[in-house]
PDB file of N, CA and C in Angstrom:
ATOM      1  N   UNK A   1     -33.926  17.055  -3.054  1.00  0.00           N
ATOM      2  CA  UNK A   1     -33.379  17.645  -4.248  1.00  0.00           C
ATOM      3  C   UNK A   1     -32.020  18.241  -3.901  1.00  0.00           C
ATOM      4  N   UNK A   2     -31.006  17.934  -4.705  1.00  0.00           N
ATOM      5  CA  UNK A   2     -29.667  18.453  -4.442  1.00  0.00           C
ATOM      6  C   UNK A   2     -29.471  19.780  -5.169  1.00  0.00           C
ATOM      7  N   UNK A   3     -28.628  20.575  -4.566  1.00  0.00           N
ATOM      8  CA  UNK A   3     -28.323  21.864  -5.191  1.00  0.00           C
ATOM      9  C   UNK A   3     -26.967  21.767  -5.851  1.00  0.00           C
ATOM     10  N   UNK A   4     -26.859  22.345  -6.998  1.00  0.00           N
ATOM     11  CA  UNK A   4     -25.597  22.353  -7.742  1.00  0.00           C
ATOM     12  C   UNK A   4     -24.822  23.594  -7.324  1.00  0.00           C
ATOM     13  N   UNK A   5     -23.545  23.387  -6.890  1.00  0.00           N
ATOM     14  CA  UNK A   5     -22.768  24.560  -6.481  1.00  0.00           C
ATOM     15  C   UNK A   5     -22.549  25.490  -7.681  1.00  0.00           C
ATOM     16  N   UNK A   6     -22.409  26.767  -7.398  1.00  0.00           N
ATOM     17  CA  UNK A   6     -22.192  27.707  -8.500  1.00  0.00           C
ATOM     18  C   UNK A   6     -20.856  27.432  -9.200  1.00  0.00           C
ATOM     19  N   UNK A   7     -20.805  27.693 -10.455  1.00  0.00           N
ATOM     20  CA  UNK A   7     -19.585  27.505 -11.242  1.00  0.00           C
ATOM     21  C   UNK A   7     -18.598  28.595 -10.864  1.00  0.00           C
ATOM     22  N   UNK A   8     -17.349  28.194 -10.469  1.00  0.00           N
ATOM     23  CA  UNK A   8     -16.357  29.218 -10.126  1.00  0.00           C
ATOM     24  C   UNK A   8     -16.091  30.139 -11.322  1.00  0.00           C
ATOM     25  N   UNK A   9     -15.952  31.412 -11.032  1.00  0.00           N
ATOM     26  CA  UNK A   9     -15.774  32.397 -12.096  1.00  0.00           C
ATOM     27  C   UNK A   9     -14.312  32.794 -12.313  1.00  0.00           C
ATOM     28  N   UNK A  10     -13.535  32.808 -11.259  1.00  0.00           N
ATOM     29  CA  UNK A  10     -12.148  33.255 -11.393  1.00  0.00           C
ATOM     30  C   UNK A  10     -11.204  32.058 -11.316  1.00  0.00           C
ATOM     31  N   UNK A  11      -9.965  32.276 -11.729  1.00  0.00           N
ATOM     32  CA  UNK A  11      -8.961  31.208 -11.620  1.00  0.00           C
ATOM     33  C   UNK A  11      -8.784  30.768 -10.176  1.00  0.00           C
ATOM     34  N   UNK A  12      -8.763  31.713  -9.263  1.00  0.00           N
ATOM     35  CA  UNK A  12      -8.585  31.395  -7.846  1.00  0.00           C
ATOM     36  C   UNK A  12      -9.745  30.532  -7.347  1.00  0.00           C
ATOM     37  N   UNK A  13     -10.956  30.835  -7.764  1.00  0.00           N
ATOM     38  CA  UNK A  13     -12.117  30.044  -7.342  1.00  0.00           C
ATOM     39  C   UNK A  13     -12.063  28.637  -7.942  1.00  0.00           C
ATOM     40  N   UNK A  14     -11.648  28.533  -9.190  1.00  0.00           N
ATOM     41  CA  UNK A  14     -11.528  27.222  -9.825  1.00  0.00           C
ATOM     42  C   UNK A  14     -10.445  26.383  -9.131  1.00  0.00           C
ATOM     43  N   UNK A  15      -9.324  27.013  -8.804  1.00  0.00           N
ATOM     44  CA  UNK A  15      -8.248  26.291  -8.126  1.00  0.00           C
ATOM     45  C   UNK A  15      -8.682  25.843  -6.734  1.00  0.00           C
ATOM     46  N   UNK A  16      -9.393  26.723  -6.022  1.00  0.00           N
ATOM     47  CA  UNK A  16      -9.879  26.368  -4.688  1.00  0.00           C
ATOM     48  C   UNK A  16     -10.864  25.201  -4.776  1.00  0.00           C
ATOM     49  N   UNK A  17     -11.741  25.228  -5.768  1.00  0.00           N
ATOM     50  CA  UNK A  17     -12.708  24.142  -5.950  1.00  0.00           C
ATOM     51  C   UNK A  17     -11.980  22.841  -6.287  1.00  0.00           C
ATOM     52  N   UNK A  18     -10.963  22.913  -7.130  1.00  0.00           N
ATOM     53  CA  UNK A  18     -10.170  21.728  -7.483  1.00  0.00           C
ATOM     54  C   UNK A  18      -9.478  21.152  -6.248  1.00  0.00           C
ATOM     55  N   UNK A  19      -8.844  22.007  -5.453  1.00  0.00           N
ATOM     56  CA  UNK A  19      -8.162  21.537  -4.244  1.00  0.00           C
ATOM     57  C   UNK A  19      -9.150  20.893  -3.272  1.00  0.00           C
ATOM     58  N   UNK A  20     -10.327  21.456  -3.153  1.00  0.00           N
ATOM     59  CA  UNK A  20     -11.358  20.912  -2.280  1.00  0.00           C
ATOM     60  C   UNK A  20     -11.779  19.513  -2.765  1.00  0.00           C
ATOM     61  N   UNK A  21     -12.013  19.360  -4.070  1.00  0.00           N
ATOM     62  CA  UNK A  21     -12.382  18.053  -4.625  1.00  0.00           C
ATOM     63  C   UNK A  21     -11.259  17.040  -4.434  1.00  0.00           C
ATOM     64  N   UNK A  22     -10.024  17.476  -4.638  1.00  0.00           N
ATOM     65  CA  UNK A  22      -8.874  16.600  -4.472  1.00  0.00           C
ATOM     66  C   UNK A  22      -8.772  16.096  -3.027  1.00  0.00           C
ATOM     67  N   UNK A  23      -8.934  16.996  -2.066  1.00  0.00           N
ATOM     68  CA  UNK A  23      -8.894  16.600  -0.651  1.00  0.00           C
ATOM     69  C   UNK A  23     -10.007  15.603  -0.331  1.00  0.00           C
ATOM     70  N   UNK A  24     -11.196  15.830  -0.877  1.00  0.00           N
ATOM     71  CA  UNK A  24     -12.317  14.921  -0.632  1.00  0.00           C
ATOM     72  C   UNK A  24     -12.040  13.539  -1.216  1.00  0.00           C
ATOM     73  N   UNK A  25     -11.477  13.485  -2.423  1.00  0.00           N
ATOM     74  CA  UNK A  25     -11.156  12.208  -3.055  1.00  0.00           C
ATOM     75  C   UNK A  25     -10.069  11.463  -2.278  1.00  0.00           C
ATOM     76  N   UNK A  26      -9.051  12.198  -1.818  1.00  0.00           N
ATOM     77  CA  UNK A  26      -7.977  11.569  -1.051  1.00  0.00           C
ATOM     78  C   UNK A  26      -8.512  11.023   0.273  1.00  0.00           C
ATOM     79  N   UNK A  27      -9.364  11.794   0.937  1.00  0.00           N
ATOM     80  CA  UNK A  27      -9.942  11.342   2.205  1.00  0.00           C
ATOM     81  C   UNK A  27     -10.800  10.098   1.987  1.00  0.00           C
ATOM     82  N   UNK A  28     -11.567  10.079   0.909  1.00  0.00           N
ATOM     83  CA  UNK A  28     -12.407   8.917   0.606  1.00  0.00           C
ATOM     84  C   UNK A  28     -11.558   7.677   0.327  1.00  0.00           C
ATOM     85  N   UNK A  29     -10.464   7.849  -0.400  1.00  0.00           N
ATOM     86  CA  UNK A  29      -9.573   6.728  -0.714  1.00  0.00           C
ATOM     87  C   UNK A  29      -8.946   6.175   0.561  1.00  0.00           C
ATOM     88  N   UNK A  30      -8.479   7.054   1.441  1.00  0.00           N
ATOM     89  CA  UNK A  30      -7.883   6.605   2.706  1.00  0.00           C
ATOM     90  C   UNK A  30      -8.919   5.882   3.558  1.00  0.00           C
ATOM     91  N   UNK A  31     -10.130   6.434   3.637  1.00  0.00           N
ATOM     92  CA  UNK A  31     -11.186   5.821   4.439  1.00  0.00           C
ATOM     93  C   UNK A  31     -11.550   4.446   3.887  1.00  0.00           C
ATOM     94  N   UNK A  32     -11.583   4.327   2.577  1.00  0.00           N
ATOM     95  CA  UNK A  32     -11.907   3.051   1.926  1.00  0.00           C
ATOM     96  C   UNK A  32     -10.884   1.986   2.285  1.00  0.00           C
ATOM     97  N   UNK A  33      -9.614   2.381   2.410  1.00  0.00           N
ATOM     98  CA  UNK A  33      -8.553   1.441   2.735  1.00  0.00           C
ATOM     99  C   UNK A  33      -8.367   1.270   4.237  1.00  0.00           C
ATOM    100  N   UNK A  34      -9.108   2.025   5.031  1.00  0.00           N
ATOM    101  CA  UNK A  34      -8.992   1.922   6.482  1.00  0.00           C
ATOM    102  C   UNK A  34      -7.758   2.587   7.052  1.00  0.00           C
ATOM    103  N   UNK A  35      -7.183   3.518   6.306  1.00  0.00           N
ATOM    104  CA  UNK A  35      -5.984   4.214   6.758  1.00  0.00           C
ATOM    105  C   UNK A  35      -6.404   5.562   7.347  1.00  0.00           C
ATOM    106  N   UNK A  36      -5.949   5.879   8.558  1.00  0.00           N
ATOM    107  CA  UNK A  36      -6.311   7.169   9.137  1.00  0.00           C
ATOM    108  C   UNK A  36      -5.848   8.331   8.266  1.00  0.00           C
ATOM    109  N   UNK A  37      -6.598   9.419   8.304  1.00  0.00           N
ATOM    110  CA  UNK A  37      -6.263  10.608   7.523  1.00  0.00           C
ATOM    111  C   UNK A  37      -4.981  11.248   8.049  1.00  0.00           C
ATOM    112  N   UNK A  38      -4.333  12.008   7.187  1.00  0.00           N
ATOM    113  CA  UNK A  38      -3.147  12.755   7.600  1.00  0.00           C
ATOM    114  C   UNK A  38      -3.539  13.815   8.624  1.00  0.00           C
ATOM    115  N   UNK A  39      -2.611  14.202   9.492  1.00  0.00           N
ATOM    116  CA  UNK A  39      -2.924  15.252  10.448  1.00  0.00           C
ATOM    117  C   UNK A  39      -3.182  16.575   9.732  1.00  0.00           C
ATOM    118  N   UNK A  40      -3.952  17.439  10.369  1.00  0.00           N
ATOM    119  CA  UNK A  40      -4.305  18.728   9.769  1.00  0.00           C
ATOM    120  C   UNK A  40      -3.072  19.611   9.581  1.00  0.00           C
ATOM    121  N   UNK A  41      -2.170  19.565  10.537  1.00  0.00           N
ATOM    122  CA  UNK A  41      -0.958  20.371  10.455  1.00  0.00           C
ATOM    123  C   UNK A  41       0.095  19.573   9.690  1.00  0.00           C
ATOM    124  N   UNK A  42       0.609  20.147   8.623  1.00  0.00           N
ATOM    125  CA  UNK A  42       1.512  19.418   7.728  1.00  0.00           C
ATOM    126  C   UNK A  42       2.840  19.022   8.381  1.00  0.00           C
ATOM    127  N   UNK A  43       3.289  19.753   9.376  1.00  0.00           N
ATOM    128  CA  UNK A  43       4.584  19.428   9.963  1.00  0.00           C
ATOM    129  C   UNK A  43       4.473  18.426  11.107  1.00  0.00           C
ATOM    130  N   UNK A  44       3.275  17.888  11.349  1.00  0.00           N
ATOM    131  CA  UNK A  44       3.086  16.843  12.341  1.00  0.00           C
ATOM    132  C   UNK A  44       3.117  15.509  11.605  1.00  0.00           C
ATOM    133  N   UNK A  45       3.944  14.603  12.079  1.00  0.00           N
ATOM    134  CA  UNK A  45       4.089  13.313  11.399  1.00  0.00           C
ATOM    135  C   UNK A  45       2.805  12.506  11.488  1.00  0.00           C
ATOM    136  N   UNK A  46       2.490  11.798  10.441  1.00  0.00           N
ATOM    137  CA  UNK A  46       1.312  10.941  10.407  1.00  0.00           C
ATOM    138  C   UNK A  46       1.662   9.525  10.810  1.00  0.00           C
ATOM    139  N   UNK A  47       2.317   9.342  11.959  1.00  0.00           N
ATOM    140  CA  UNK A  47       2.827   8.032  12.360  1.00  0.00           C
ATOM    141  C   UNK A  47       1.752   6.964  12.443  1.00  0.00           C
ATOM    142  N   UNK A  48       0.591   7.218  13.009  1.00  0.00           N
ATOM    143  CA  UNK A  48      -0.423   6.149  13.017  1.00  0.00           C
ATOM    144  C   UNK A  48      -0.768   5.675  11.608  1.00  0.00           C
ATOM    145  N   UNK A  49      -0.891   6.611  10.693  1.00  0.00           N
ATOM    146  CA  UNK A  49      -1.216   6.278   9.307  1.00  0.00           C
ATOM    147  C   UNK A  49      -0.072   5.503   8.662  1.00  0.00           C
ATOM    148  N   UNK A  50       1.135   5.973   8.850  1.00  0.00           N
ATOM    149  CA  UNK A  50       2.300   5.332   8.247  1.00  0.00           C
ATOM    150  C   UNK A  50       2.523   3.938   8.835  1.00  0.00           C
ATOM    151  N   UNK A  51       2.370   3.813  10.152  1.00  0.00           N
ATOM    152  CA  UNK A  51       2.553   2.508  10.796  1.00  0.00           C
ATOM    153  C   UNK A  51       1.534   1.496  10.279  1.00  0.00           C
ATOM    154  N   UNK A  52       0.282   1.931  10.136  1.00  0.00           N
ATOM    155  CA  UNK A  52      -0.738   1.024   9.629  1.00  0.00           C
ATOM    156  C   UNK A  52      -0.408   0.605   8.200  1.00  0.00           C
ATOM    157  N   UNK A  53       0.009   1.550   7.380  1.00  0.00           N
ATOM    158  CA  UNK A  53       0.373   1.228   5.995  1.00  0.00           C
ATOM    159  C   UNK A  53       1.534   0.234   5.971  1.00  0.00           C
ATOM    160  N   UNK A  54       2.517   0.407   6.824  1.00  0.00           N
ATOM    161  CA  UNK A  54       3.661  -0.497   6.856  1.00  0.00           C
ATOM    162  C   UNK A  54       3.247  -1.891   7.337  1.00  0.00           C
ATOM    163  N   UNK A  55       2.318  -1.970   8.295  1.00  0.00           N
ATOM    164  CA  UNK A  55       1.814  -3.273   8.731  1.00  0.00           C
ATOM    165  C   UNK A  55       1.082  -3.966   7.589  1.00  0.00           C
ATOM    166  N   UNK A  56       0.326  -3.199   6.813  1.00  0.00           N
ATOM    167  CA  UNK A  56      -0.371  -3.777   5.665  1.00  0.00           C
ATOM    168  C   UNK A  56       0.621  -4.289   4.627  1.00  0.00           C
ATOM    169  N   UNK A  57       1.697  -3.545   4.416  1.00  0.00           N
ATOM    170  CA  UNK A  57       2.735  -3.990   3.485  1.00  0.00           C
ATOM    171  C   UNK A  57       3.359  -5.291   3.984  1.00  0.00           C
ATOM    172  N   UNK A  58       3.668  -5.358   5.274  1.00  0.00           N
ATOM    173  CA  UNK A  58       4.278  -6.563   5.847  1.00  0.00           C
ATOM    174  C   UNK A  58       3.335  -7.755   5.698  1.00  0.00           C
ATOM    175  N   UNK A  59       2.042  -7.552   5.922  1.00  0.00           N
ATOM    176  CA  UNK A  59       1.069  -8.632   5.768  1.00  0.00           C
ATOM    177  C   UNK A  59       1.006  -9.111   4.316  1.00  0.00           C
ATOM    178  N   UNK A  60       1.035  -8.170   3.386  1.00  0.00           N
ATOM    179  CA  UNK A  60       0.994  -8.530   1.967  1.00  0.00           C
ATOM    180  C   UNK A  60       2.264  -9.287   1.552  1.00  0.00           C
ATOM    181  N   UNK A  61       3.406  -8.852   2.073  1.00  0.00           N
ATOM    182  CA  UNK A  61       4.656  -9.565   1.784  1.00  0.00           C
ATOM    183  C   UNK A  61       4.601 -11.000   2.309  1.00  0.00           C
ATOM    184  N   UNK A  62       4.065 -11.166   3.509  1.00  0.00           N
ATOM    185  CA  UNK A  62       3.966 -12.510   4.089  1.00  0.00           C
ATOM    186  C   UNK A  62       3.007 -13.378   3.283  1.00  0.00           C
ATOM    187  N   UNK A  63       1.909 -12.818   2.854  1.00  0.00           N
ATOM    188  CA  UNK A  63       0.956 -13.559   2.020  1.00  0.00           C
ATOM    189  C   UNK A  63       1.618 -13.975   0.700  1.00  0.00           C
ATOM    190  N   UNK A  64       2.350 -13.057   0.101  1.00  0.00           N
ATOM    191  CA  UNK A  64       3.033 -13.345  -1.157  1.00  0.00           C
ATOM    192  C   UNK A  64       4.080 -14.437  -0.968  1.00  0.00           C
ATOM    193  N   UNK A  65       4.856 -14.351   0.107  1.00  0.00           N
ATOM    194  CA  UNK A  65       5.876 -15.372   0.378  1.00  0.00           C
ATOM    195  C   UNK A  65       5.229 -16.736   0.569  1.00  0.00           C
ATOM    196  N   UNK A  66       4.130 -16.776   1.282  1.00  0.00           N
ATOM    197  CA  UNK A  66       3.419 -18.031   1.523  1.00  0.00           C
ATOM    198  C   UNK A  66       2.911 -18.641   0.211  1.00  0.00           C
ATOM    199  N   UNK A  67       2.358 -17.819  -0.659  1.00  0.00           N
ATOM    200  CA  UNK A  67       1.883 -18.305  -1.957  1.00  0.00           C
ATOM    201  C   UNK A  67       3.045 -18.812  -2.813  1.00  0.00           C
ATOM    202  N   UNK A  68       4.155 -18.073  -2.779  1.00  0.00           N
ATOM    203  CA  UNK A  68       5.320 -18.493  -3.555  1.00  0.00           C
ATOM    204  C   UNK A  68       5.866 -19.821  -3.027  1.00  0.00           C
ATOM    205  N   UNK A  69       5.892 -19.980  -1.705  1.00  0.00           N
ATOM    206  CA  UNK A  69       6.395 -21.222  -1.115  1.00  0.00           C
ATOM    207  C   UNK A  69       5.481 -22.386  -1.469  1.00  0.00           C
ATOM    208  N   UNK A  70       4.179 -22.167  -1.455  1.00  0.00           N
ATOM    209  CA  UNK A  70       3.235 -23.223  -1.844  1.00  0.00           C
ATOM    210  C   UNK A  70       3.446 -23.621  -3.299  1.00  0.00           C
ATOM    211  N   UNK A  71       3.641 -22.625  -4.146  1.00  0.00           N
ATOM    212  CA  UNK A  71       3.904 -22.894  -5.563  1.00  0.00           C
ATOM    213  C   UNK A  71       5.171 -23.739  -5.702  1.00  0.00           C
ATOM    214  N   UNK A  72       6.212 -23.334  -4.992  1.00  0.00           N
ATOM    215  CA  UNK A  72       7.498 -24.043  -5.041  1.00  0.00           C
ATOM    216  C   UNK A  72       7.332 -25.492  -4.570  1.00  0.00           C
ATOM    217  N   UNK A  73       6.621 -25.673  -3.457  1.00  0.00           N
ATOM    218  CA  UNK A  73       6.457 -27.006  -2.868  1.00  0.00           C
ATOM    219  C   UNK A  73       5.645 -27.949  -3.760  1.00  0.00           C
ATOM    220  N   UNK A  74       4.805 -27.417  -4.608  1.00  0.00           N
ATOM    221  CA  UNK A  74       3.940 -28.242  -5.461  1.00  0.00           C
ATOM    222  C   UNK A  74       4.590 -28.627  -6.795  1.00  0.00           C
ATOM    223  N   UNK A  75       5.788 -28.135  -7.073  1.00  0.00           N
ATOM    224  CA  UNK A  75       6.445 -28.435  -8.340  1.00  0.00           C
ATOM    225  C   UNK A  75       7.022 -29.845  -8.340  1.00  0.00           C
ATOM    226  N   UNK A  76       7.298 -30.348  -9.517  1.00  0.00           N
ATOM    227  CA  UNK A  76       7.848 -31.700  -9.690  1.00  0.00           C
ATOM    228  C   UNK A  76       9.307 -31.742  -9.246  1.00  0.00           C
ATOM    229  N   UNK A  77       9.763 -32.977  -9.015  1.00  0.00           N
ATOM    230  CA  UNK A  77      11.171 -33.170  -8.639  1.00  0.00           C
ATOM    231  C   UNK A  77      12.090 -32.656  -9.738  1.00  0.00           C
ATOM    232  N   UNK A  78      11.694 -32.877 -10.961  1.00  0.00           N
ATOM    233  CA  UNK A  78      12.508 -32.422 -12.091  1.00  0.00           C
ATOM    234  C   UNK A  78      12.672 -30.899 -12.055  1.00  0.00           C
ATOM    235  N   UNK A  79      11.567 -30.202 -11.813  1.00  0.00           N
ATOM    236  CA  UNK A  79      11.628 -28.735 -11.751  1.00  0.00           C
ATOM    237  C   UNK A  79      12.454 -28.294 -10.549  1.00  0.00           C
ATOM    238  N   UNK A  80      12.292 -28.972  -9.422  1.00  0.00           N
ATOM    239  CA  UNK A  80      13.025 -28.599  -8.205  1.00  0.00           C
ATOM    240  C   UNK A  80      14.539 -28.731  -8.383  1.00  0.00           C
ATOM    241  N   UNK A  81      14.956 -29.586  -9.304  1.00  0.00           N
ATOM    242  CA  UNK A  81      16.387 -29.758  -9.568  1.00  0.00           C
ATOM    243  C   UNK A  81      16.912 -28.770 -10.605  1.00  0.00           C
ATOM    244  N   UNK A  82      16.045 -27.908 -11.130  1.00  0.00           N
ATOM    245  CA  UNK A  82      16.449 -26.990 -12.195  1.00  0.00           C
ATOM    246  C   UNK A  82      17.000 -25.677 -11.642  1.00  0.00           C
ATOM    247  N   UNK A  83      17.616 -24.942 -12.543  1.00  0.00           N
ATOM    248  CA  UNK A  83      18.140 -23.615 -12.189  1.00  0.00           C
ATOM    249  C   UNK A  83      16.994 -22.650 -11.880  1.00  0.00           C
ATOM    250  N   UNK A  84      15.862 -22.825 -12.570  1.00  0.00           N
ATOM    251  CA  UNK A  84      14.690 -21.975 -12.319  1.00  0.00           C
ATOM    252  C   UNK A  84      14.226 -22.114 -10.875  1.00  0.00           C
ATOM    253  N   UNK A  85      14.252 -23.336 -10.359  1.00  0.00           N
ATOM    254  CA  UNK A  85      13.848 -23.572  -8.971  1.00  0.00           C
ATOM    255  C   UNK A  85      14.819 -22.884  -8.008  1.00  0.00           C
ATOM    256  N   UNK A  86      16.087 -22.949  -8.327  1.00  0.00           N
ATOM    257  CA  UNK A  86      17.090 -22.309  -7.479  1.00  0.00           C
ATOM    258  C   UNK A  86      16.883 -20.785  -7.451  1.00  0.00           C
ATOM    259  N   UNK A  87      16.652 -20.210  -8.619  1.00  0.00           N
ATOM    260  CA  UNK A  87      16.389 -18.766  -8.702  1.00  0.00           C
ATOM    261  C   UNK A  87      15.121 -18.405  -7.948  1.00  0.00           C
ATOM    262  N   UNK A  88      14.094 -19.240  -8.095  1.00  0.00           N
ATOM    263  CA  UNK A  88      12.827 -18.995  -7.411  1.00  0.00           C
ATOM    264  C   UNK A  88      13.020 -19.039  -5.895  1.00  0.00           C
ATOM    265  N   UNK A  89      13.771 -20.022  -5.405  1.00  0.00           N
ATOM    266  CA  UNK A  89      14.023 -20.128  -3.965  1.00  0.00           C
ATOM    267  C   UNK A  89      14.815 -18.925  -3.455  1.00  0.00           C
ATOM    268  N   UNK A  90      15.749 -18.430  -4.262  1.00  0.00           N
ATOM    269  CA  UNK A  90      16.491 -17.233  -3.868  1.00  0.00           C
ATOM    270  C   UNK A  90      15.560 -16.041  -3.705  1.00  0.00           C
ATOM    271  N   UNK A  91      14.576 -15.923  -4.591  1.00  0.00           N
ATOM    272  CA  UNK A  91      13.610 -14.825  -4.474  1.00  0.00           C
ATOM    273  C   UNK A  91      12.758 -14.970  -3.223  1.00  0.00           C
ATOM    274  N   UNK A  92      12.384 -16.199  -2.915  1.00  0.00           N
ATOM    275  CA  UNK A  92      11.623 -16.429  -1.683  1.00  0.00           C
ATOM    276  C   UNK A  92      12.467 -16.032  -0.475  1.00  0.00           C
ATOM    277  N   UNK A  93      13.738 -16.393  -0.491  1.00  0.00           N
ATOM    278  CA  UNK A  93      14.638 -16.046   0.615  1.00  0.00           C
ATOM    279  C   UNK A  93      14.809 -14.532   0.746  1.00  0.00           C
ATOM    280  N   UNK A  94      14.934 -13.848  -0.386  1.00  0.00           N
ATOM    281  CA  UNK A  94      15.048 -12.381  -0.349  1.00  0.00           C
ATOM    282  C   UNK A  94      13.781 -11.753   0.223  1.00  0.00           C
ATOM    283  N   UNK A  95      12.649 -12.280  -0.182  1.00  0.00           N
ATOM    284  CA  UNK A  95      11.384 -11.781   0.337  1.00  0.00           C
ATOM    285  C   UNK A  95      11.294 -12.013   1.852  1.00  0.00           C
ATOM    286  N   UNK A  96      11.773 -13.156   2.297  1.00  0.00           N
ATOM    287  CA  UNK A  96      11.774 -13.451   3.734  1.00  0.00           C
ATOM    288  C   UNK A  96      12.641 -12.452   4.500  1.00  0.00           C
ATOM    289  N   UNK A  97      13.729 -12.019   3.895  1.00  0.00           N
ATOM    290  CA  UNK A  97      14.573 -11.008   4.548  1.00  0.00           C
ATOM    291  C   UNK A  97      13.805  -9.701   4.753  1.00  0.00           C
ATOM    292  N   UNK A  98      13.047  -9.283   3.736  1.00  0.00           N
ATOM    293  CA  UNK A  98      12.214  -8.086   3.891  1.00  0.00           C
ATOM    294  C   UNK A  98      11.223  -8.280   5.040  1.00  0.00           C
ATOM    295  N   UNK A  99      10.595  -9.442   5.074  1.00  0.00           N
ATOM    296  CA  UNK A  99       9.603  -9.722   6.111  1.00  0.00           C
ATOM    297  C   UNK A  99      10.247  -9.698   7.485  1.00  0.00           C
ATOM    298  N   UNK A 100      11.455 -10.241   7.587  1.00  0.00           N
ATOM    299  CA  UNK A 100      12.152 -10.254   8.876  1.00  0.00           C
ATOM    300  C   UNK A 100      12.448  -8.845   9.386  1.00  0.00           C
ATOM    301  N   UNK A 101      12.620  -7.896   8.474  1.00  0.00           N
ATOM    302  CA  UNK A 101      12.901  -6.523   8.879  1.00  0.00           C
ATOM    303  C   UNK A 101      11.640  -5.699   9.100  1.00  0.00           C
ATOM    304  N   UNK A 102      10.492  -6.233   8.739  1.00  0.00           N
ATOM    305  CA  UNK A 102       9.234  -5.491   8.855  1.00  0.00           C
ATOM    306  C   UNK A 102       8.944  -4.979  10.262  1.00  0.00           C
ATOM    307  N   UNK A 103       9.199  -5.738  11.326  1.00  0.00           N
ATOM    308  CA  UNK A 103       8.927  -5.198  12.661  1.00  0.00           C
ATOM    309  C   UNK A 103       9.725  -3.922  12.984  1.00  0.00           C
ATOM    310  N   UNK A 104      10.843  -3.723  12.315  1.00  0.00           N
ATOM    311  CA  UNK A 104      11.658  -2.530  12.539  1.00  0.00           C
ATOM    312  C   UNK A 104      10.997  -1.281  11.963  1.00  0.00           C
ATOM    313  N   UNK A 105      10.050  -1.468  11.041  1.00  0.00           N
ATOM    314  CA  UNK A 105       9.405  -0.341  10.363  1.00  0.00           C
ATOM    315  C   UNK A 105       8.461   0.422  11.268  1.00  0.00           C
ATOM    316  N   UNK A 106       7.799  -0.280  12.199  1.00  0.00           N
ATOM    317  CA  UNK A 106       6.761   0.366  13.017  1.00  0.00           C
ATOM    318  C   UNK A 106       7.208   0.580  14.437  1.00  0.00           C
TER     319      UNK A 106
END
C-alpha cells in the first residue's frame, strides 16, 4: 500500500514540492534517453552529458543525410535535371558540412 505525501500548506512547501517533482521528471527523461545526469554542482560542466548529446546529434544528422541521398538517388532522370533536384542536392551538401564539423564538437 502506498502512502500519499501530505499536501503542502505554505507557498514555500508547494514550491519545494514542485521543484522536487520537476527534478524527478528531468532525471527520468535523461535516463530514458541514456544521457547522464547533470553534475550536482551547477558550476561544474556536464561535459560527458553534452558530448553524448552531440554524438547523438551527429548520428541523427548522418542518418538524415543518408535518407536524403537515397531519396535523391531514386528520383527519375527528369527530376534530377530540375531546379528542385539542384536545390535538394545543395541541402544535402550543407548537411554534409555540418556532419564534417561534428567531430570538432566533442
